[in-house]
PDB file of all heavy atoms in Angstrom:
ATOM      1  N   TYR A   1       0.840  -1.215   0.005  1.00  0.00           N
ATOM      2  CA  TYR A   1       0.002   0.005  -0.011  1.00  0.00           C
ATOM      3  C   TYR A   1       0.871   1.256  -0.028  1.00  0.00           C
ATOM      4  O   TYR A   1       1.866   1.370   0.734  1.00  0.00           O
ATOM      5  CB  TYR A   1      -0.901  -0.001   1.236  1.00  0.00           C
ATOM      6  CG  TYR A   1      -2.043   0.983   1.153  1.00  0.00           C
ATOM      7  CD1 TYR A   1      -3.310   0.574   0.709  1.00  0.00           C
ATOM      8  CD2 TYR A   1      -1.836   2.325   1.480  1.00  0.00           C
ATOM      9  CE1 TYR A   1      -4.353   1.545   0.652  1.00  0.00           C
ATOM     10  CE2 TYR A   1      -2.875   3.255   1.401  1.00  0.00           C
ATOM     11  CZ  TYR A   1      -4.121   2.842   0.992  1.00  0.00           C
ATOM     12  OH  TYR A   1      -5.151   3.771   0.882  1.00  0.00           O
ATOM     13  N   ASP A   2       0.572   2.186  -0.843  1.00  0.00           N
ATOM     14  CA  ASP A   2       1.305   3.434  -0.894  1.00  0.00           C
ATOM     15  C   ASP A   2       0.658   4.398   0.132  1.00  0.00           C
ATOM     16  O   ASP A   2      -0.376   5.044  -0.217  1.00  0.00           O
ATOM     17  CB  ASP A   2       1.223   4.046  -2.317  1.00  0.00           C
ATOM     18  CG  ASP A   2       2.040   5.333  -2.481  1.00  0.00           C
ATOM     19  OD1 ASP A   2       2.879   5.572  -1.536  1.00  0.00           O
ATOM     20  OD2 ASP A   2       1.788   6.038  -3.408  1.00  0.00           O
ATOM     21  N   ILE A   3       1.188   4.502   1.276  1.00  0.00           N
ATOM     22  CA  ILE A   3       0.627   5.344   2.352  1.00  0.00           C
ATOM     23  C   ILE A   3       0.854   6.771   2.079  1.00  0.00           C
ATOM     24  O   ILE A   3       1.996   7.234   1.838  1.00  0.00           O
ATOM     25  CB  ILE A   3       1.236   4.942   3.721  1.00  0.00           C
ATOM     26  CG1 ILE A   3       1.099   3.481   3.989  1.00  0.00           C
ATOM     27  CG2 ILE A   3       0.545   5.751   4.807  1.00  0.00           C
ATOM     28  CD1 ILE A   3       1.839   3.011   5.274  1.00  0.00           C
ATOM     29  N   LYS A   4      -0.238   7.578   2.022  1.00  0.00           N
ATOM     30  CA  LYS A   4      -0.118   8.978   1.790  1.00  0.00           C
ATOM     31  C   LYS A   4       0.129   9.687   3.119  1.00  0.00           C
ATOM     32  O   LYS A   4      -0.218   9.197   4.205  1.00  0.00           O
ATOM     33  CB  LYS A   4      -1.407   9.512   1.184  1.00  0.00           C
ATOM     34  CG  LYS A   4      -1.863   8.725  -0.084  1.00  0.00           C
ATOM     35  CD  LYS A   4      -0.866   8.897  -1.229  1.00  0.00           C
ATOM     36  CE  LYS A   4      -1.466   8.350  -2.506  1.00  0.00           C
ATOM     37  NZ  LYS A   4      -1.692   6.918  -2.519  1.00  0.00           N
ATOM     38  N   GLU A   5       0.767  10.865   3.045  1.00  0.00           N
ATOM     39  CA  GLU A   5       1.103  11.598   4.247  1.00  0.00           C
ATOM     40  C   GLU A   5      -0.150  11.885   5.142  1.00  0.00           C
ATOM     41  O   GLU A   5      -0.105  11.841   6.361  1.00  0.00           O
ATOM     42  CB  GLU A   5       1.782  12.930   3.969  1.00  0.00           C
ATOM     43  CG  GLU A   5       3.300  12.810   3.739  1.00  0.00           C
ATOM     44  CD  GLU A   5       4.025  12.102   4.935  1.00  0.00           C
ATOM     45  OE1 GLU A   5       3.863  12.555   6.055  1.00  0.00           O
ATOM     46  OE2 GLU A   5       4.707  11.145   4.648  1.00  0.00           O
ATOM     47  N   HIS A   6      -1.280  12.215   4.481  1.00  0.00           N
ATOM     48  CA  HIS A   6      -2.487  12.593   5.266  1.00  0.00           C
ATOM     49  C   HIS A   6      -3.127  11.376   5.930  1.00  0.00           C
ATOM     50  O   HIS A   6      -4.003  11.502   6.769  1.00  0.00           O
ATOM     51  CB  HIS A   6      -3.493  13.296   4.358  1.00  0.00           C
ATOM     52  CG  HIS A   6      -4.183  12.389   3.360  1.00  0.00           C
ATOM     53  ND1 HIS A   6      -3.653  12.119   2.119  1.00  0.00           N
ATOM     54  CD2 HIS A   6      -5.316  11.654   3.435  1.00  0.00           C
ATOM     55  CE1 HIS A   6      -4.464  11.282   1.473  1.00  0.00           C
ATOM     56  NE2 HIS A   6      -5.462  11.011   2.283  1.00  0.00           N
ATOM     57  N   GLU A   7      -2.618  10.177   5.532  1.00  0.00           N
ATOM     58  CA  GLU A   7      -3.134   8.952   6.168  1.00  0.00           C
ATOM     59  C   GLU A   7      -2.342   8.558   7.390  1.00  0.00           C
ATOM     60  O   GLU A   7      -2.748   7.684   8.152  1.00  0.00           O
ATOM     61  CB  GLU A   7      -3.158   7.822   5.185  1.00  0.00           C
ATOM     62  CG  GLU A   7      -4.103   8.036   3.967  1.00  0.00           C
ATOM     63  CD  GLU A   7      -3.943   7.063   2.868  1.00  0.00           C
ATOM     64  OE1 GLU A   7      -2.788   6.648   2.603  1.00  0.00           O
ATOM     65  OE2 GLU A   7      -4.960   6.700   2.217  1.00  0.00           O
ATOM     66  N   ARG A   8      -1.200   9.176   7.570  1.00  0.00           N
ATOM     67  CA  ARG A   8      -0.372   8.859   8.760  1.00  0.00           C
ATOM     68  C   ARG A   8      -0.729   9.664   9.956  1.00  0.00           C
ATOM     69  O   ARG A   8      -1.329  10.746   9.908  1.00  0.00           O
ATOM     70  CB  ARG A   8       1.074   9.131   8.379  1.00  0.00           C
ATOM     71  CG  ARG A   8       1.691   8.339   7.242  1.00  0.00           C
ATOM     72  CD  ARG A   8       3.125   8.611   7.001  1.00  0.00           C
ATOM     73  NE  ARG A   8       3.668   7.889   5.867  1.00  0.00           N
ATOM     74  CZ  ARG A   8       4.078   6.590   5.889  1.00  0.00           C
ATOM     75  NH1 ARG A   8       4.046   5.945   7.028  1.00  0.00           N
ATOM     76  NH2 ARG A   8       4.568   6.099   4.791  1.00  0.00           N
ATOM     77  N   PRO A   9      -0.431   9.104  11.118  1.00  0.00           N
ATOM     78  CA  PRO A   9      -0.714   9.895  12.357  1.00  0.00           C
ATOM     79  C   PRO A   9       0.285  11.106  12.489  1.00  0.00           C
ATOM     80  O   PRO A   9       1.347  11.039  11.924  1.00  0.00           O
ATOM     81  CB  PRO A   9      -0.437   8.894  13.471  1.00  0.00           C
ATOM     82  CG  PRO A   9       0.536   7.916  12.892  1.00  0.00           C
ATOM     83  CD  PRO A   9       0.140   7.790  11.379  1.00  0.00           C
ATOM     84  N   LEU A  10      -0.151  12.097  13.245  1.00  0.00           N
ATOM     85  CA  LEU A  10       0.721  13.233  13.546  1.00  0.00           C
ATOM     86  C   LEU A  10       1.289  13.001  14.907  1.00  0.00           C
ATOM     87  O   LEU A  10       0.870  13.573  15.927  1.00  0.00           O
ATOM     88  CB  LEU A  10      -0.059  14.542  13.490  1.00  0.00           C
ATOM     89  CG  LEU A  10      -0.635  14.870  12.125  1.00  0.00           C
ATOM     90  CD1 LEU A  10      -1.556  16.125  12.205  1.00  0.00           C
ATOM     91  CD2 LEU A  10       0.400  15.020  11.066  1.00  0.00           C
ATOM     92  N   THR A  11       2.252  12.043  14.953  1.00  0.00           N
ATOM     93  CA  THR A  11       2.751  11.566  16.283  1.00  0.00           C
ATOM     94  C   THR A  11       3.403  12.714  17.031  1.00  0.00           C
ATOM     95  O   THR A  11       3.216  12.826  18.292  1.00  0.00           O
ATOM     96  CB  THR A  11       3.784  10.450  16.035  1.00  0.00           C
ATOM     97  OG1 THR A  11       3.168   9.375  15.266  1.00  0.00           O
ATOM     98  CG2 THR A  11       4.296   9.874  17.342  1.00  0.00           C
ATOM     99  N   GLN A  12       4.168  13.521  16.341  1.00  0.00           N
ATOM    100  CA  GLN A  12       4.851  14.641  17.076  1.00  0.00           C
ATOM    101  C   GLN A  12       3.831  15.607  17.683  1.00  0.00           C
ATOM    102  O   GLN A  12       4.064  16.143  18.763  1.00  0.00           O
ATOM    103  CB  GLN A  12       5.765  15.423  16.108  1.00  0.00           C
ATOM    104  CG  GLN A  12       6.644  16.433  16.798  1.00  0.00           C
ATOM    105  CD  GLN A  12       7.505  15.870  17.909  1.00  0.00           C
ATOM    106  OE1 GLN A  12       8.189  14.893  17.620  1.00  0.00           O
ATOM    107  NE2 GLN A  12       7.506  16.443  19.061  1.00  0.00           N
ATOM    108  N   GLY A  13       2.684  15.786  17.042  1.00  0.00           N
ATOM    109  CA  GLY A  13       1.624  16.668  17.591  1.00  0.00           C
ATOM    110  C   GLY A  13       1.102  16.133  18.928  1.00  0.00           C
ATOM    111  O   GLY A  13       0.910  16.914  19.878  1.00  0.00           O
ATOM    112  N   ILE A  14       0.955  14.832  19.028  1.00  0.00           N
ATOM    113  CA  ILE A  14       0.516  14.197  20.302  1.00  0.00           C
ATOM    114  C   ILE A  14       1.626  14.336  21.343  1.00  0.00           C
ATOM    115  O   ILE A  14       1.344  14.601  22.493  1.00  0.00           O
ATOM    116  CB  ILE A  14       0.121  12.755  20.087  1.00  0.00           C
ATOM    117  CG1 ILE A  14      -1.073  12.682  19.195  1.00  0.00           C
ATOM    118  CG2 ILE A  14      -0.184  12.040  21.438  1.00  0.00           C
ATOM    119  CD1 ILE A  14      -1.557  11.308  18.831  1.00  0.00           C
ATOM    120  N   LEU A  15       2.863  14.097  20.941  1.00  0.00           N
ATOM    121  CA  LEU A  15       3.972  14.263  21.889  1.00  0.00           C
ATOM    122  C   LEU A  15       4.058  15.640  22.454  1.00  0.00           C
ATOM    123  O   LEU A  15       4.241  15.829  23.664  1.00  0.00           O
ATOM    124  CB  LEU A  15       5.331  13.889  21.239  1.00  0.00           C
ATOM    125  CG  LEU A  15       5.468  12.446  20.697  1.00  0.00           C
ATOM    126  CD1 LEU A  15       6.860  12.288  20.036  1.00  0.00           C
ATOM    127  CD2 LEU A  15       5.279  11.453  21.801  1.00  0.00           C
ATOM    128  N   ASP A  16       3.882  16.612  21.608  1.00  0.00           N
ATOM    129  CA  ASP A  16       3.888  18.016  22.076  1.00  0.00           C
ATOM    130  C   ASP A  16       2.780  18.299  23.127  1.00  0.00           C
ATOM    131  O   ASP A  16       3.032  18.944  24.116  1.00  0.00           O
ATOM    132  CB  ASP A  16       3.684  18.991  20.914  1.00  0.00           C
ATOM    133  CG  ASP A  16       4.862  19.013  19.952  1.00  0.00           C
ATOM    134  OD1 ASP A  16       5.964  18.540  20.360  1.00  0.00           O
ATOM    135  OD2 ASP A  16       4.669  19.465  18.805  1.00  0.00           O
ATOM    136  N   VAL A  17       1.604  17.699  22.833  1.00  0.00           N
ATOM    137  CA  VAL A  17       0.487  17.843  23.851  1.00  0.00           C
ATOM    138  C   VAL A  17       0.833  17.237  25.170  1.00  0.00           C
ATOM    139  O   VAL A  17       0.616  17.821  26.247  1.00  0.00           O
ATOM    140  CB  VAL A  17      -0.851  17.271  23.271  1.00  0.00           C
ATOM    141  CG1 VAL A  17      -1.941  17.212  24.349  1.00  0.00           C
ATOM    142  CG2 VAL A  17      -1.348  18.083  22.102  1.00  0.00           C
ATOM    143  N   LEU A  18       1.334  16.018  25.120  1.00  0.00           N
ATOM    144  CA  LEU A  18       1.668  15.310  26.400  1.00  0.00           C
ATOM    145  C   LEU A  18       2.726  16.056  27.216  1.00  0.00           C
ATOM    146  O   LEU A  18       2.593  16.204  28.424  1.00  0.00           O
ATOM    147  CB  LEU A  18       2.104  13.891  26.088  1.00  0.00           C
ATOM    148  CG  LEU A  18       1.073  12.992  25.425  1.00  0.00           C
ATOM    149  CD1 LEU A  18       1.668  11.553  25.222  1.00  0.00           C
ATOM    150  CD2 LEU A  18      -0.143  12.873  26.339  1.00  0.00           C
ATOM    151  N   TYR A  19       3.745  16.578  26.558  1.00  0.00           N
ATOM    152  CA  TYR A  19       4.796  17.294  27.224  1.00  0.00           C
ATOM    153  C   TYR A  19       4.271  18.666  27.738  1.00  0.00           C
ATOM    154  O   TYR A  19       4.694  19.073  28.825  1.00  0.00           O
ATOM    155  CB  TYR A  19       6.021  17.472  26.347  1.00  0.00           C
ATOM    156  CG  TYR A  19       6.801  16.188  26.260  1.00  0.00           C
ATOM    157  CD1 TYR A  19       6.956  15.521  25.022  1.00  0.00           C
ATOM    158  CD2 TYR A  19       7.494  15.648  27.353  1.00  0.00           C
ATOM    159  CE1 TYR A  19       7.640  14.309  24.947  1.00  0.00           C
ATOM    160  CE2 TYR A  19       8.228  14.466  27.264  1.00  0.00           C
ATOM    161  CZ  TYR A  19       8.319  13.813  26.054  1.00  0.00           C
ATOM    162  OH  TYR A  19       9.011  12.639  25.951  1.00  0.00           O
ATOM    163  N   ASP A  20       3.364  19.274  26.995  1.00  0.00           N
ATOM    164  CA  ASP A  20       2.829  20.505  27.444  1.00  0.00           C
ATOM    165  C   ASP A  20       1.933  20.287  28.693  1.00  0.00           C
ATOM    166  O   ASP A  20       1.963  21.123  29.681  1.00  0.00           O
ATOM    167  CB  ASP A  20       1.909  21.120  26.369  1.00  0.00           C
ATOM    168  CG  ASP A  20       2.711  21.853  25.313  1.00  0.00           C
ATOM    169  OD1 ASP A  20       3.912  22.080  25.516  1.00  0.00           O
ATOM    170  OD2 ASP A  20       2.136  22.178  24.264  1.00  0.00           O
ATOM    171  N   LEU A  21       1.187  19.213  28.718  1.00  0.00           N
ATOM    172  CA  LEU A  21       0.425  18.839  29.913  1.00  0.00           C
ATOM    173  C   LEU A  21       1.262  18.607  31.111  1.00  0.00           C
ATOM    174  O   LEU A  21       0.959  19.060  32.193  1.00  0.00           O
ATOM    175  CB  LEU A  21      -0.428  17.571  29.657  1.00  0.00           C
ATOM    176  CG  LEU A  21      -1.646  17.719  28.724  1.00  0.00           C
ATOM    177  CD1 LEU A  21      -2.258  16.306  28.425  1.00  0.00           C
ATOM    178  CD2 LEU A  21      -2.658  18.609  29.430  1.00  0.00           C
ATOM    179  N   GLU A  22       2.378  17.899  30.910  1.00  0.00           N
ATOM    180  CA  GLU A  22       3.305  17.672  32.002  1.00  0.00           C
ATOM    181  C   GLU A  22       3.906  18.978  32.562  1.00  0.00           C
ATOM    182  O   GLU A  22       3.982  19.183  33.735  1.00  0.00           O
ATOM    183  CB  GLU A  22       4.403  16.732  31.578  1.00  0.00           C
ATOM    184  CG  GLU A  22       5.408  16.390  32.666  1.00  0.00           C
ATOM    185  CD  GLU A  22       6.550  15.499  32.152  1.00  0.00           C
ATOM    186  OE1 GLU A  22       7.144  15.827  31.133  1.00  0.00           O
ATOM    187  OE2 GLU A  22       6.769  14.446  32.778  1.00  0.00           O
ATOM    188  N   GLU A  23       4.273  19.864  31.635  1.00  0.00           N
ATOM    189  CA  GLU A  23       4.914  21.104  32.035  1.00  0.00           C
ATOM    190  C   GLU A  23       3.960  22.022  32.846  1.00  0.00           C
ATOM    191  O   GLU A  23       4.379  22.756  33.745  1.00  0.00           O
ATOM    192  CB  GLU A  23       5.399  21.838  30.759  1.00  0.00           C
ATOM    193  CG  GLU A  23       6.145  23.162  31.079  1.00  0.00           C
ATOM    194  CD  GLU A  23       6.672  23.773  29.809  1.00  0.00           C
ATOM    195  OE1 GLU A  23       6.714  23.125  28.778  1.00  0.00           O
ATOM    196  OE2 GLU A  23       7.035  24.957  29.890  1.00  0.00           O
ATOM    197  N   ASN A  24       2.659  21.918  32.521  1.00  0.00           N
ATOM    198  CA  ASN A  24       1.691  22.794  33.185  1.00  0.00           C
ATOM    199  C   ASN A  24       0.857  22.085  34.206  1.00  0.00           C
ATOM    200  O   ASN A  24      -0.166  22.623  34.675  1.00  0.00           O
ATOM    201  CB  ASN A  24       0.750  23.390  32.131  1.00  0.00           C
ATOM    202  CG  ASN A  24       1.459  24.360  31.190  1.00  0.00           C
ATOM    203  OD1 ASN A  24       1.767  25.515  31.575  1.00  0.00           O
ATOM    204  ND2 ASN A  24       1.663  23.864  29.979  1.00  0.00           N
ATOM    205  N   SER A  25       1.285  20.910  34.629  1.00  0.00           N
ATOM    206  CA  SER A  25       0.486  20.065  35.578  1.00  0.00           C
ATOM    207  C   SER A  25       0.378  20.712  36.972  1.00  0.00           C
ATOM    208  O   SER A  25      -0.511  20.383  37.736  1.00  0.00           O
ATOM    209  CB  SER A  25       1.056  18.693  35.673  1.00  0.00           C
ATOM    210  OG  SER A  25       2.414  18.718  36.192  1.00  0.00           O
ATOM    211  N   ASP A  26       1.301  21.528  37.301  1.00  0.00           N
ATOM    212  CA  ASP A  26       1.315  22.180  38.622  1.00  0.00           C
ATOM    213  C   ASP A  26       0.484  23.426  38.726  1.00  0.00           C
ATOM    214  O   ASP A  26       0.375  24.090  39.760  1.00  0.00           O
ATOM    215  CB  ASP A  26       2.769  22.515  39.075  1.00  0.00           C
ATOM    216  CG  ASP A  26       3.596  21.252  39.277  1.00  0.00           C
ATOM    217  OD1 ASP A  26       2.946  20.199  39.563  1.00  0.00           O
ATOM    218  OD2 ASP A  26       4.793  21.294  39.135  1.00  0.00           O
ATOM    219  N   ASP A  27      -0.139  23.846  37.589  1.00  0.00           N
ATOM    220  CA  ASP A  27      -0.906  25.089  37.562  1.00  0.00           C
ATOM    221  C   ASP A  27      -2.384  24.735  37.716  1.00  0.00           C
ATOM    222  O   ASP A  27      -3.048  24.251  36.757  1.00  0.00           O
ATOM    223  CB  ASP A  27      -0.695  25.863  36.281  1.00  0.00           C
ATOM    224  CG  ASP A  27      -1.328  27.206  36.236  1.00  0.00           C
ATOM    225  OD1 ASP A  27      -2.224  27.464  37.146  1.00  0.00           O
ATOM    226  OD2 ASP A  27      -1.003  28.006  35.394  1.00  0.00           O
ATOM    227  N   PRO A  28      -3.008  24.888  38.912  1.00  0.00           N
ATOM    228  CA  PRO A  28      -4.409  24.545  39.167  1.00  0.00           C
ATOM    229  C   PRO A  28      -5.416  25.286  38.340  1.00  0.00           C
ATOM    230  O   PRO A  28      -6.525  24.910  38.159  1.00  0.00           O
ATOM    231  CB  PRO A  28      -4.609  24.749  40.634  1.00  0.00           C
ATOM    232  CG  PRO A  28      -3.607  25.787  40.996  1.00  0.00           C
ATOM    233  CD  PRO A  28      -2.404  25.559  40.119  1.00  0.00           C
ATOM    234  N   GLU A  29      -4.971  26.486  37.851  1.00  0.00           N
ATOM    235  CA  GLU A  29      -5.913  27.318  37.059  1.00  0.00           C
ATOM    236  C   GLU A  29      -5.882  26.957  35.595  1.00  0.00           C
ATOM    237  O   GLU A  29      -6.723  27.519  34.794  1.00  0.00           O
ATOM    238  CB  GLU A  29      -5.517  28.793  37.256  1.00  0.00           C
ATOM    239  CG  GLU A  29      -5.726  29.283  38.678  1.00  0.00           C
ATOM    240  CD  GLU A  29      -5.450  30.730  38.846  1.00  0.00           C
ATOM    241  OE1 GLU A  29      -5.098  31.383  37.779  1.00  0.00           O
ATOM    242  OE2 GLU A  29      -5.482  31.218  39.978  1.00  0.00           O
ATOM    243  N   LEU A  30      -4.991  26.058  35.181  1.00  0.00           N
ATOM    244  CA  LEU A  30      -4.856  25.752  33.803  1.00  0.00           C
ATOM    245  C   LEU A  30      -5.261  24.322  33.552  1.00  0.00           C
ATOM    246  O   LEU A  30      -4.555  23.395  33.787  1.00  0.00           O
ATOM    247  CB  LEU A  30      -3.394  25.963  33.360  1.00  0.00           C
ATOM    248  CG  LEU A  30      -3.145  25.864  31.826  1.00  0.00           C
ATOM    249  CD1 LEU A  30      -3.957  26.932  31.057  1.00  0.00           C
ATOM    250  CD2 LEU A  30      -1.694  26.058  31.568  1.00  0.00           C
ATOM    251  N   ASP A  31      -6.527  24.127  33.140  1.00  0.00           N
ATOM    252  CA  ASP A  31      -7.076  22.823  32.835  1.00  0.00           C
ATOM    253  C   ASP A  31      -7.095  22.607  31.366  1.00  0.00           C
ATOM    254  O   ASP A  31      -7.887  23.096  30.620  1.00  0.00           O
ATOM    255  CB  ASP A  31      -8.454  22.639  33.432  1.00  0.00           C
ATOM    256  CG  ASP A  31      -9.024  21.212  33.247  1.00  0.00           C
ATOM    257  OD1 ASP A  31      -8.266  20.392  32.653  1.00  0.00           O
ATOM    258  OD2 ASP A  31     -10.140  20.963  33.621  1.00  0.00           O
ATOM    259  N   MET A  32      -6.109  21.856  30.863  1.00  0.00           N
ATOM    260  CA  MET A  32      -5.930  21.659  29.401  1.00  0.00           C
ATOM    261  C   MET A  32      -6.477  20.341  28.926  1.00  0.00           C
ATOM    262  O   MET A  32      -6.356  20.023  27.721  1.00  0.00           O
ATOM    263  CB  MET A  32      -4.457  21.734  29.038  1.00  0.00           C
ATOM    264  CG  MET A  32      -3.758  23.020  29.476  1.00  0.00           C
ATOM    265  SD  MET A  32      -1.929  22.870  29.307  1.00  0.00           S
ATOM    266  CE  MET A  32      -1.733  22.426  27.575  1.00  0.00           C
ATOM    267  N   SER A  33      -7.170  19.571  29.781  1.00  0.00           N
ATOM    268  CA  SER A  33      -7.445  18.208  29.445  1.00  0.00           C
ATOM    269  C   SER A  33      -8.392  18.085  28.259  1.00  0.00           C
ATOM    270  O   SER A  33      -8.209  17.275  27.382  1.00  0.00           O
ATOM    271  CB  SER A  33      -8.067  17.489  30.679  1.00  0.00           C
ATOM    272  OG  SER A  33      -9.179  18.163  31.113  1.00  0.00           O
ATOM    273  N   ASP A  34      -9.476  18.938  28.215  1.00  0.00           N
ATOM    274  CA  ASP A  34     -10.403  18.844  27.117  1.00  0.00           C
ATOM    275  C   ASP A  34      -9.754  19.232  25.788  1.00  0.00           C
ATOM    276  O   ASP A  34      -9.907  18.537  24.751  1.00  0.00           O
ATOM    277  CB  ASP A  34     -11.612  19.779  27.350  1.00  0.00           C
ATOM    278  CG  ASP A  34     -12.635  19.116  28.306  1.00  0.00           C
ATOM    279  OD1 ASP A  34     -12.465  17.953  28.689  1.00  0.00           O
ATOM    280  OD2 ASP A  34     -13.609  19.805  28.719  1.00  0.00           O
ATOM    281  N   ASP A  35      -9.005  20.336  25.796  1.00  0.00           N
ATOM    282  CA  ASP A  35      -8.356  20.749  24.570  1.00  0.00           C
ATOM    283  C   ASP A  35      -7.299  19.698  24.145  1.00  0.00           C
ATOM    284  O   ASP A  35      -7.127  19.373  22.964  1.00  0.00           O
ATOM    285  CB  ASP A  35      -7.637  22.088  24.745  1.00  0.00           C
ATOM    286  CG  ASP A  35      -8.655  23.258  24.868  1.00  0.00           C
ATOM    287  OD1 ASP A  35      -9.773  23.093  24.460  1.00  0.00           O
ATOM    288  OD2 ASP A  35      -8.234  24.334  25.356  1.00  0.00           O
ATOM    289  N   ALA A  36      -6.674  19.124  25.158  1.00  0.00           N
ATOM    290  CA  ALA A  36      -5.606  18.087  24.881  1.00  0.00           C
ATOM    291  C   ALA A  36      -6.218  16.903  24.180  1.00  0.00           C
ATOM    292  O   ALA A  36      -5.692  16.388  23.164  1.00  0.00           O
ATOM    293  CB  ALA A  36      -4.910  17.664  26.159  1.00  0.00           C
TER     294      ALA A  36
END
C-alpha cells in the first residue's frame, strides 16, 4: 500500500500535547485536558 502523508498519524503533535500537559500540571488554574 502506498501510504499517503495525510493517512499517517501526527505523532509529534501528540507528543507536544503530552509534554505541554506535564509542564503545566502544577498550575491549578490551567485545565488543558479537554483541549488536549
